[in-house]
């Protein structure tokens, strides 16, 4: 506030704050505002995932995207891309397989780096096991909604960016619910800063480029915010973080493998 002040040690009271009489009322108001902000419920400490296991899971993610890009063929693109016509025709595995395919290495590298950074933030709330399953399900649901939105247009897409922006949405939703709990309601503008920041990042990173699927990014983000907000409001993120990670990452890997097995066996219609 730019007010000159003095802190005087005082036995049994910590410190006494002195200011000039001209600034006394402003200082009292500021201290009272601080007390009001700190009077809400104290949030529980955010879980920190196991460093080694979490890092291994991030490495697996990076290797999976890299390997899929290196070994991608015309056939894999045909049977695995997220095609609205094929999805509406019953080939639902495409909402998952489409997340693992990329058109070029900058596309793949961007989703790899962005996914890793955002996943690390998400893991602080849910742990790495539940985090990966949430990322996968959010991206898949975003792709499904995107296909339904583009019904009859011949729209198709590939890339993990729907899941990446879904991860951003999950972090925003969880942080937003935490802010609202701490401040006991939606009256404070500060409570909505996570959502405003997430929307700014979505606009900055997810709305540019000639081949950018803006609706996929937007839907992934929206699904993530709703899912994260719901988990945070119900305090389910704390429960997920305490459960063994293998209960979540194993189903996530199984879902990816099963989706590709279905794509390979069925051959794809588009």
C-alpha atoms as a PDB file:
ATOM      1  CA  UNK A   1       0.000   0.000   0.000  1.00  0.00           C
ATOM      2  CA  UNK A   2       3.006   2.291   0.177  1.00  0.00           C
ATOM      3  CA  UNK A   3       2.322   3.234   3.818  1.00  0.00           C
ATOM      4  CA  UNK A   4       5.346   3.745   6.132  1.00  0.00           C
ATOM      5  CA  UNK A   5       5.100   1.379   9.099  1.00  0.00           C
ATOM      6  CA  UNK A   6       7.000  -0.039  12.040  1.00  0.00           C
ATOM      7  CA  UNK A   7       6.835  -3.559  13.484  1.00  0.00           C
ATOM      8  CA  UNK A   8       7.687  -3.561  17.199  1.00  0.00           C
ATOM      9  CA  UNK A   9       8.269  -6.889  18.969  1.00  0.00           C
ATOM     10  CA  UNK A  10       5.863  -7.243  21.889  1.00  0.00           C
ATOM     11  CA  UNK A  11       6.083  -9.907  24.614  1.00  0.00           C
ATOM     12  CA  UNK A  12       3.224 -12.398  24.347  1.00  0.00           C
ATOM     13  CA  UNK A  13       1.695 -10.698  21.288  1.00  0.00           C
ATOM     14  CA  UNK A  14       4.252 -11.256  18.534  1.00  0.00           C
ATOM     15  CA  UNK A  15       4.461  -7.789  16.995  1.00  0.00           C
ATOM     16  CA  UNK A  16       2.673  -4.467  17.198  1.00  0.00           C
ATOM     17  CA  UNK A  17       2.034  -2.628  13.911  1.00  0.00           C
ATOM     18  CA  UNK A  18       2.498   1.135  14.031  1.00  0.00           C
ATOM     19  CA  UNK A  19       1.539   3.580  11.277  1.00  0.00           C
ATOM     20  CA  UNK A  20       1.088   7.324  11.106  1.00  0.00           C
ATOM     21  CA  UNK A  21      -2.325   8.586  12.277  1.00  0.00           C
ATOM     22  CA  UNK A  22      -3.073   9.766   8.720  1.00  0.00           C
ATOM     23  CA  UNK A  23      -2.934   6.158   7.507  1.00  0.00           C
ATOM     24  CA  UNK A  24      -4.451   4.424  10.534  1.00  0.00           C
ATOM     25  CA  UNK A  25      -7.941   3.913   9.099  1.00  0.00           C
ATOM     26  CA  UNK A  26      -6.649   2.575   5.745  1.00  0.00           C
ATOM     27  CA  UNK A  27      -4.328   0.170   7.569  1.00  0.00           C
ATOM     28  CA  UNK A  28      -7.191  -1.095   9.765  1.00  0.00           C
ATOM     29  CA  UNK A  29      -9.381  -1.709   6.704  1.00  0.00           C
ATOM     30  CA  UNK A  30      -6.590  -3.617   4.981  1.00  0.00           C
ATOM     31  CA  UNK A  31      -5.942  -5.794   8.037  1.00  0.00           C
ATOM     32  CA  UNK A  32      -9.674  -6.459   8.429  1.00  0.00           C
ATOM     33  CA  UNK A  33      -9.949  -7.476   4.755  1.00  0.00           C
ATOM     34  CA  UNK A  34      -7.039  -9.858   5.222  1.00  0.00           C
ATOM     35  CA  UNK A  35      -8.708 -11.439   8.244  1.00  0.00           C
ATOM     36  CA  UNK A  36     -11.951 -11.910   6.311  1.00  0.00           C
ATOM     37  CA  UNK A  37     -10.140 -13.610   3.426  1.00  0.00           C
ATOM     38  CA  UNK A  38      -8.367 -15.979   5.816  1.00  0.00           C
ATOM     39  CA  UNK A  39     -11.505 -16.892   7.757  1.00  0.00           C
ATOM     40  CA  UNK A  40     -12.720 -19.562   5.289  1.00  0.00           C
ATOM     41  CA  UNK A  41     -12.087 -23.297   5.704  1.00  0.00           C
ATOM     42  CA  UNK A  42      -8.468 -24.332   5.363  1.00  0.00           C
ATOM     43  CA  UNK A  43      -8.058 -26.525   2.275  1.00  0.00           C
ATOM     44  CA  UNK A  44      -6.405 -29.891   2.757  1.00  0.00           C
ATOM     45  CA  UNK A  45      -2.819 -30.185   1.544  1.00  0.00           C
ATOM     46  CA  UNK A  46      -2.646 -31.045  -2.112  1.00  0.00           C
ATOM     47  CA  UNK A  47      -1.319 -34.568  -2.718  1.00  0.00           C
ATOM     48  CA  UNK A  48       2.081 -34.809  -4.311  1.00  0.00           C
ATOM     49  CA  UNK A  49       2.488 -37.851  -6.564  1.00  0.00           C
ATOM     50  CA  UNK A  50       5.394 -40.220  -6.182  1.00  0.00           C
ATOM     51  CA  UNK A  51       8.212 -38.609  -8.132  1.00  0.00           C
ATOM     52  CA  UNK A  52       9.643 -41.748  -9.728  1.00  0.00           C
ATOM     53  CA  UNK A  53       6.347 -43.390 -10.670  1.00  0.00           C
ATOM     54  CA  UNK A  54       4.837 -40.141 -11.909  1.00  0.00           C
ATOM     55  CA  UNK A  55       7.898 -39.468 -14.069  1.00  0.00           C
ATOM     56  CA  UNK A  56       7.719 -42.972 -15.529  1.00  0.00           C
ATOM     57  CA  UNK A  57       4.072 -42.410 -16.478  1.00  0.00           C
ATOM     58  CA  UNK A  58       5.015 -39.164 -18.234  1.00  0.00           C
ATOM     59  CA  UNK A  59       7.776 -41.010 -20.090  1.00  0.00           C
ATOM     60  CA  UNK A  60       5.289 -43.673 -21.202  1.00  0.00           C
ATOM     61  CA  UNK A  61       3.023 -40.931 -22.554  1.00  0.00           C
ATOM     62  CA  UNK A  62       5.905 -39.377 -24.491  1.00  0.00           C
ATOM     63  CA  UNK A  63       7.027 -42.756 -25.875  1.00  0.00           C
ATOM     64  CA  UNK A  64       3.484 -43.688 -26.886  1.00  0.00           C
ATOM     65  CA  UNK A  65       2.947 -40.502 -28.891  1.00  0.00           C
ATOM     66  CA  UNK A  66       6.423 -40.749 -30.449  1.00  0.00           C
ATOM     67  CA  UNK A  67       6.047 -44.410 -31.419  1.00  0.00           C
ATOM     68  CA  UNK A  68       2.602 -43.872 -32.883  1.00  0.00           C
ATOM     69  CA  UNK A  69       3.901 -40.978 -34.966  1.00  0.00           C
ATOM     70  CA  UNK A  70       6.950 -42.893 -36.217  1.00  0.00           C
ATOM     71  CA  UNK A  71       4.936 -45.983 -37.185  1.00  0.00           C
ATOM     72  CA  UNK A  72       1.831 -44.221 -38.491  1.00  0.00           C
ATOM     73  CA  UNK A  73       0.795 -45.447 -41.921  1.00  0.00           C
ATOM     74  CA  UNK A  74      -1.971 -44.506 -44.306  1.00  0.00           C
ATOM     75  CA  UNK A  75      -3.946 -47.510 -43.045  1.00  0.00           C
ATOM     76  CA  UNK A  76      -3.606 -46.448 -39.407  1.00  0.00           C
ATOM     77  CA  UNK A  77      -4.781 -42.957 -40.278  1.00  0.00           C
ATOM     78  CA  UNK A  78      -7.747 -44.376 -42.155  1.00  0.00           C
ATOM     79  CA  UNK A  79      -8.905 -46.755 -39.430  1.00  0.00           C
ATOM     80  CA  UNK A  80      -7.999 -44.597 -36.443  1.00  0.00           C
ATOM     81  CA  UNK A  81      -8.834 -40.971 -37.196  1.00  0.00           C
ATOM     82  CA  UNK A  82     -11.763 -39.358 -35.456  1.00  0.00           C
ATOM     83  CA  UNK A  83     -14.265 -39.324 -38.322  1.00  0.00           C
ATOM     84  CA  UNK A  84     -17.738 -37.994 -37.524  1.00  0.00           C
ATOM     85  CA  UNK A  85     -19.372 -40.273 -40.097  1.00  0.00           C
ATOM     86  CA  UNK A  86     -17.665 -43.421 -38.800  1.00  0.00           C
ATOM     87  CA  UNK A  87     -18.283 -42.528 -35.160  1.00  0.00           C
ATOM     88  CA  UNK A  88     -21.979 -41.972 -35.796  1.00  0.00           C
ATOM     89  CA  UNK A  89     -21.961 -45.288 -37.652  1.00  0.00           C
ATOM     90  CA  UNK A  90     -20.890 -47.060 -34.456  1.00  0.00           C
ATOM     91  CA  UNK A  91     -17.081 -47.004 -34.644  1.00  0.00           C
ATOM     92  CA  UNK A  92     -16.754 -45.435 -31.207  1.00  0.00           C
ATOM     93  CA  UNK A  93     -13.161 -46.586 -30.752  1.00  0.00           C
ATOM     94  CA  UNK A  94     -12.137 -43.680 -32.987  1.00  0.00           C
ATOM     95  CA  UNK A  95     -12.731 -41.166 -30.184  1.00  0.00           C
ATOM     96  CA  UNK A  96      -9.771 -42.843 -28.450  1.00  0.00           C
ATOM     97  CA  UNK A  97      -7.534 -43.866 -31.367  1.00  0.00           C
ATOM     98  CA  UNK A  98      -7.782 -40.394 -32.876  1.00  0.00           C
ATOM     99  CA  UNK A  99      -6.039 -38.997 -29.781  1.00  0.00           C
ATOM    100  CA  UNK A 100      -2.895 -41.036 -30.516  1.00  0.00           C
ATOM    101  CA  UNK A 101      -2.379 -39.965 -34.163  1.00  0.00           C
ATOM    102  CA  UNK A 102      -0.640 -36.820 -35.404  1.00  0.00           C
ATOM    103  CA  UNK A 103      -0.168 -35.207 -38.781  1.00  0.00           C
ATOM    104  CA  UNK A 104       3.436 -33.992 -38.345  1.00  0.00           C
ATOM    105  CA  UNK A 105       6.151 -33.833 -35.719  1.00  0.00           C
ATOM    106  CA  UNK A 106       5.519 -30.216 -34.559  1.00  0.00           C
ATOM    107  CA  UNK A 107       1.901 -31.213 -33.948  1.00  0.00           C
ATOM    108  CA  UNK A 108       3.007 -34.260 -31.988  1.00  0.00           C
ATOM    109  CA  UNK A 109       5.758 -32.427 -30.065  1.00  0.00           C
ATOM    110  CA  UNK A 110       3.428 -29.614 -29.062  1.00  0.00           C
ATOM    111  CA  UNK A 111       0.849 -32.031 -27.675  1.00  0.00           C
ATOM    112  CA  UNK A 112       3.567 -34.013 -25.946  1.00  0.00           C
ATOM    113  CA  UNK A 113       5.082 -31.022 -24.143  1.00  0.00           C
ATOM    114  CA  UNK A 114       1.742 -29.387 -23.373  1.00  0.00           C
ATOM    115  CA  UNK A 115       0.274 -32.656 -22.179  1.00  0.00           C
ATOM    116  CA  UNK A 116       3.198 -33.343 -19.853  1.00  0.00           C
ATOM    117  CA  UNK A 117       3.178 -29.874 -18.273  1.00  0.00           C
ATOM    118  CA  UNK A 118      -0.579 -29.852 -17.692  1.00  0.00           C
ATOM    119  CA  UNK A 119      -0.607 -33.464 -16.487  1.00  0.00           C
ATOM    120  CA  UNK A 120       1.953 -32.561 -13.819  1.00  0.00           C
ATOM    121  CA  UNK A 121      -0.423 -29.880 -12.527  1.00  0.00           C
ATOM    122  CA  UNK A 122      -3.376 -32.274 -12.576  1.00  0.00           C
ATOM    123  CA  UNK A 123      -1.458 -34.952 -10.677  1.00  0.00           C
ATOM    124  CA  UNK A 124      -1.199 -32.604  -7.679  1.00  0.00           C
ATOM    125  CA  UNK A 125      -4.957 -32.967  -7.268  1.00  0.00           C
ATOM    126  CA  UNK A 126      -5.708 -36.533  -8.328  1.00  0.00           C
ATOM    127  CA  UNK A 127      -2.426 -38.439  -8.343  1.00  0.00           C
ATOM    128  CA  UNK A 128      -0.952 -39.735 -11.580  1.00  0.00           C
ATOM    129  CA  UNK A 129      -3.060 -42.894 -11.920  1.00  0.00           C
ATOM    130  CA  UNK A 130      -6.472 -41.237 -11.763  1.00  0.00           C
ATOM    131  CA  UNK A 131      -5.049 -38.273 -13.643  1.00  0.00           C
ATOM    132  CA  UNK A 132      -4.234 -40.290 -16.765  1.00  0.00           C
ATOM    133  CA  UNK A 133      -7.632 -41.996 -16.813  1.00  0.00           C
ATOM    134  CA  UNK A 134      -9.383 -38.624 -16.466  1.00  0.00           C
ATOM    135  CA  UNK A 135      -7.259 -37.163 -19.274  1.00  0.00           C
ATOM    136  CA  UNK A 136      -8.120 -40.046 -21.593  1.00  0.00           C
ATOM    137  CA  UNK A 137     -11.852 -39.996 -20.812  1.00  0.00           C
ATOM    138  CA  UNK A 138     -12.030 -36.216 -21.140  1.00  0.00           C
ATOM    139  CA  UNK A 139     -10.330 -36.293 -24.534  1.00  0.00           C
ATOM    140  CA  UNK A 140     -12.511 -39.158 -25.755  1.00  0.00           C
ATOM    141  CA  UNK A 141     -15.722 -37.429 -24.669  1.00  0.00           C
ATOM    142  CA  UNK A 142     -14.545 -34.213 -26.300  1.00  0.00           C
ATOM    143  CA  UNK A 143     -13.973 -36.075 -29.579  1.00  0.00           C
ATOM    144  CA  UNK A 144     -17.393 -37.720 -29.335  1.00  0.00           C
ATOM    145  CA  UNK A 145     -19.159 -34.381 -28.807  1.00  0.00           C
ATOM    146  CA  UNK A 146     -17.140 -32.862 -31.633  1.00  0.00           C
ATOM    147  CA  UNK A 147     -18.263 -35.634 -33.994  1.00  0.00           C
ATOM    148  CA  UNK A 148     -21.898 -35.124 -33.023  1.00  0.00           C
ATOM    149  CA  UNK A 149     -21.570 -31.365 -33.459  1.00  0.00           C
ATOM    150  CA  UNK A 150     -20.191 -31.849 -36.994  1.00  0.00           C
ATOM    151  CA  UNK A 151     -22.733 -34.510 -37.974  1.00  0.00           C
ATOM    152  CA  UNK A 152     -23.119 -34.772 -41.744  1.00  0.00           C
ATOM    153  CA  UNK A 153     -20.188 -32.480 -42.570  1.00  0.00           C
ATOM    154  CA  UNK A 154     -17.568 -35.156 -43.288  1.00  0.00           C
ATOM    155  CA  UNK A 155     -15.411 -33.727 -40.504  1.00  0.00           C
ATOM    156  CA  UNK A 156     -12.428 -35.749 -39.243  1.00  0.00           C
ATOM    157  CA  UNK A 157      -9.521 -34.951 -36.956  1.00  0.00           C
ATOM    158  CA  UNK A 158      -6.462 -36.442 -35.294  1.00  0.00           C
ATOM    159  CA  UNK A 159      -4.266 -35.423 -32.405  1.00  0.00           C
ATOM    160  CA  UNK A 160      -4.059 -35.451 -28.609  1.00  0.00           C
ATOM    161  CA  UNK A 161      -4.918 -31.753 -28.350  1.00  0.00           C
ATOM    162  CA  UNK A 162      -8.530 -32.473 -27.335  1.00  0.00           C
ATOM    163  CA  UNK A 163      -7.160 -34.370 -24.324  1.00  0.00           C
ATOM    164  CA  UNK A 164      -4.521 -31.694 -23.684  1.00  0.00           C
ATOM    165  CA  UNK A 165      -7.145 -28.963 -23.451  1.00  0.00           C
ATOM    166  CA  UNK A 166      -9.310 -31.374 -21.487  1.00  0.00           C
ATOM    167  CA  UNK A 167      -6.432 -31.570 -18.996  1.00  0.00           C
ATOM    168  CA  UNK A 168      -6.341 -27.780 -18.832  1.00  0.00           C
ATOM    169  CA  UNK A 169     -10.078 -27.828 -18.131  1.00  0.00           C
ATOM    170  CA  UNK A 170      -9.671 -30.440 -15.385  1.00  0.00           C
ATOM    171  CA  UNK A 171      -7.025 -28.337 -13.634  1.00  0.00           C
ATOM    172  CA  UNK A 172      -9.165 -25.202 -13.969  1.00  0.00           C
ATOM    173  CA  UNK A 173     -12.289 -26.971 -12.662  1.00  0.00           C
ATOM    174  CA  UNK A 174     -10.482 -28.462  -9.663  1.00  0.00           C
ATOM    175  CA  UNK A 175      -8.747 -25.184  -8.823  1.00  0.00           C
ATOM    176  CA  UNK A 176     -11.985 -23.247  -9.268  1.00  0.00           C
ATOM    177  CA  UNK A 177     -13.905 -25.500  -6.886  1.00  0.00           C
ATOM    178  CA  UNK A 178     -11.097 -25.154  -4.346  1.00  0.00           C
ATOM    179  CA  UNK A 179     -11.199 -21.362  -4.634  1.00  0.00           C
ATOM    180  CA  UNK A 180     -14.967 -21.275  -4.205  1.00  0.00           C
ATOM    181  CA  UNK A 181     -14.731 -23.483  -1.112  1.00  0.00           C
ATOM    182  CA  UNK A 182     -12.049 -21.334   0.458  1.00  0.00           C
ATOM    183  CA  UNK A 183     -13.947 -18.107  -0.148  1.00  0.00           C
ATOM    184  CA  UNK A 184     -17.294 -19.682   0.755  1.00  0.00           C
ATOM    185  CA  UNK A 185     -19.147 -18.754  -2.416  1.00  0.00           C
ATOM    186  CA  UNK A 186     -18.964 -17.153  -5.842  1.00  0.00           C
ATOM    187  CA  UNK A 187     -19.158 -13.542  -4.700  1.00  0.00           C
ATOM    188  CA  UNK A 188     -15.446 -12.803  -4.921  1.00  0.00           C
ATOM    189  CA  UNK A 189     -13.968 -12.069  -8.334  1.00  0.00           C
ATOM    190  CA  UNK A 190     -10.721 -13.666  -7.164  1.00  0.00           C
ATOM    191  CA  UNK A 191     -12.528 -17.003  -6.913  1.00  0.00           C
ATOM    192  CA  UNK A 192     -13.023 -17.011 -10.679  1.00  0.00           C
ATOM    193  CA  UNK A 193      -9.410 -16.258 -11.596  1.00  0.00           C
ATOM    194  CA  UNK A 194      -8.641 -19.936 -12.470  1.00  0.00           C
ATOM    195  CA  UNK A 195     -11.500 -19.995 -14.990  1.00  0.00           C
ATOM    196  CA  UNK A 196     -10.534 -16.650 -16.507  1.00  0.00           C
ATOM    197  CA  UNK A 197      -6.914 -17.786 -16.770  1.00  0.00           C
ATOM    198  CA  UNK A 198      -7.943 -21.078 -18.388  1.00  0.00           C
ATOM    199  CA  UNK A 199     -10.104 -19.297 -20.964  1.00  0.00           C
ATOM    200  CA  UNK A 200      -7.187 -16.975 -21.740  1.00  0.00           C
ATOM    201  CA  UNK A 201      -4.875 -19.966 -22.303  1.00  0.00           C
ATOM    202  CA  UNK A 202      -7.509 -21.647 -24.467  1.00  0.00           C
ATOM    203  CA  UNK A 203      -7.771 -18.542 -26.628  1.00  0.00           C
ATOM    204  CA  UNK A 204      -4.010 -18.079 -26.821  1.00  0.00           C
ATOM    205  CA  UNK A 205      -3.007 -21.677 -27.574  1.00  0.00           C
ATOM    206  CA  UNK A 206      -6.113 -23.351 -28.924  1.00  0.00           C
ATOM    207  CA  UNK A 207      -7.610 -20.962 -31.457  1.00  0.00           C
ATOM    208  CA  UNK A 208      -4.847 -20.388 -33.986  1.00  0.00           C
ATOM    209  CA  UNK A 209      -3.413 -22.192 -36.990  1.00  0.00           C
ATOM    210  CA  UNK A 210      -4.823 -23.184 -40.354  1.00  0.00           C
ATOM    211  CA  UNK A 211      -5.539 -26.820 -39.363  1.00  0.00           C
ATOM    212  CA  UNK A 212      -6.555 -26.174 -35.767  1.00  0.00           C
ATOM    213  CA  UNK A 213      -9.747 -27.934 -34.686  1.00  0.00           C
ATOM    214  CA  UNK A 214     -11.034 -25.115 -32.481  1.00  0.00           C
ATOM    215  CA  UNK A 215     -14.288 -26.855 -31.579  1.00  0.00           C
ATOM    216  CA  UNK A 216     -12.429 -29.955 -30.400  1.00  0.00           C
ATOM    217  CA  UNK A 217     -10.239 -27.795 -28.167  1.00  0.00           C
ATOM    218  CA  UNK A 218     -13.228 -25.896 -26.825  1.00  0.00           C
ATOM    219  CA  UNK A 219     -15.256 -29.042 -26.147  1.00  0.00           C
ATOM    220  CA  UNK A 220     -12.314 -30.793 -24.493  1.00  0.00           C
ATOM    221  CA  UNK A 221     -11.780 -27.771 -22.263  1.00  0.00           C
ATOM    222  CA  UNK A 222     -15.491 -27.510 -21.402  1.00  0.00           C
ATOM    223  CA  UNK A 223     -15.740 -31.211 -20.544  1.00  0.00           C
ATOM    224  CA  UNK A 224     -12.632 -30.894 -18.388  1.00  0.00           C
ATOM    225  CA  UNK A 225     -13.955 -27.873 -16.482  1.00  0.00           C
ATOM    226  CA  UNK A 226     -17.257 -29.615 -15.768  1.00  0.00           C
ATOM    227  CA  UNK A 227     -15.563 -32.861 -14.728  1.00  0.00           C
ATOM    228  CA  UNK A 228     -12.930 -31.144 -12.599  1.00  0.00           C
ATOM    229  CA  UNK A 229     -15.460 -28.829 -10.997  1.00  0.00           C
ATOM    230  CA  UNK A 230     -17.733 -31.757 -10.126  1.00  0.00           C
ATOM    231  CA  UNK A 231     -14.887 -33.812  -8.678  1.00  0.00           C
ATOM    232  CA  UNK A 232     -13.696 -30.852  -6.634  1.00  0.00           C
ATOM    233  CA  UNK A 233     -17.158 -29.921  -5.371  1.00  0.00           C
ATOM    234  CA  UNK A 234     -17.731 -33.494  -4.174  1.00  0.00           C
ATOM    235  CA  UNK A 235     -14.177 -33.774  -2.801  1.00  0.00           C
ATOM    236  CA  UNK A 236     -13.702 -36.871  -4.955  1.00  0.00           C
ATOM    237  CA  UNK A 237     -10.273 -35.706  -6.093  1.00  0.00           C
ATOM    238  CA  UNK A 238      -8.986 -36.299  -2.554  1.00  0.00           C
ATOM    239  CA  UNK A 239     -10.387 -39.823  -2.616  1.00  0.00           C
ATOM    240  CA  UNK A 240      -8.874 -40.574  -6.032  1.00  0.00           C
ATOM    241  CA  UNK A 241      -5.465 -39.367  -4.891  1.00  0.00           C
ATOM    242  CA  UNK A 242      -5.452 -41.827  -1.982  1.00  0.00           C
ATOM    243  CA  UNK A 243      -6.315 -44.915  -4.053  1.00  0.00           C
ATOM    244  CA  UNK A 244      -3.596 -47.119  -5.630  1.00  0.00           C
ATOM    245  CA  UNK A 245      -2.598 -45.572  -8.985  1.00  0.00           C
ATOM    246  CA  UNK A 246      -2.657 -48.920 -10.845  1.00  0.00           C
ATOM    247  CA  UNK A 247      -6.434 -49.028 -10.452  1.00  0.00           C
ATOM    248  CA  UNK A 248      -6.590 -46.143 -12.905  1.00  0.00           C
ATOM    249  CA  UNK A 249      -3.595 -46.274 -15.232  1.00  0.00           C
ATOM    250  CA  UNK A 250      -4.171 -49.959 -16.021  1.00  0.00           C
ATOM    251  CA  UNK A 251      -7.746 -49.330 -17.287  1.00  0.00           C
ATOM    252  CA  UNK A 252      -6.454 -46.315 -19.228  1.00  0.00           C
ATOM    253  CA  UNK A 253      -3.813 -48.381 -21.074  1.00  0.00           C
ATOM    254  CA  UNK A 254      -6.321 -51.201 -21.565  1.00  0.00           C
ATOM    255  CA  UNK A 255      -8.819 -48.797 -23.115  1.00  0.00           C
ATOM    256  CA  UNK A 256      -6.237 -47.490 -25.601  1.00  0.00           C
ATOM    257  CA  UNK A 257      -5.131 -51.030 -26.512  1.00  0.00           C
ATOM    258  CA  UNK A 258      -8.724 -52.248 -26.874  1.00  0.00           C
ATOM    259  CA  UNK A 259      -9.638 -49.274 -29.061  1.00  0.00           C
ATOM    260  CA  UNK A 260      -6.768 -49.989 -31.446  1.00  0.00           C
ATOM    261  CA  UNK A 261      -7.532 -53.718 -31.446  1.00  0.00           C
ATOM    262  CA  UNK A 262     -11.113 -52.949 -32.465  1.00  0.00           C
ATOM    263  CA  UNK A 263      -9.920 -50.541 -35.146  1.00  0.00           C
ATOM    264  CA  UNK A 264      -7.502 -53.095 -36.578  1.00  0.00           C
ATOM    265  CA  UNK A 265      -9.963 -55.992 -36.550  1.00  0.00           C
ATOM    266  CA  UNK A 266     -12.872 -54.026 -37.952  1.00  0.00           C
ATOM    267  CA  UNK A 267     -10.731 -52.248 -40.536  1.00  0.00           C
ATOM    268  CA  UNK A 268     -12.691 -49.003 -40.414  1.00  0.00           C
ATOM    269  CA  UNK A 269     -15.422 -47.840 -42.747  1.00  0.00           C
ATOM    270  CA  UNK A 270     -13.986 -44.401 -43.649  1.00  0.00           C
END
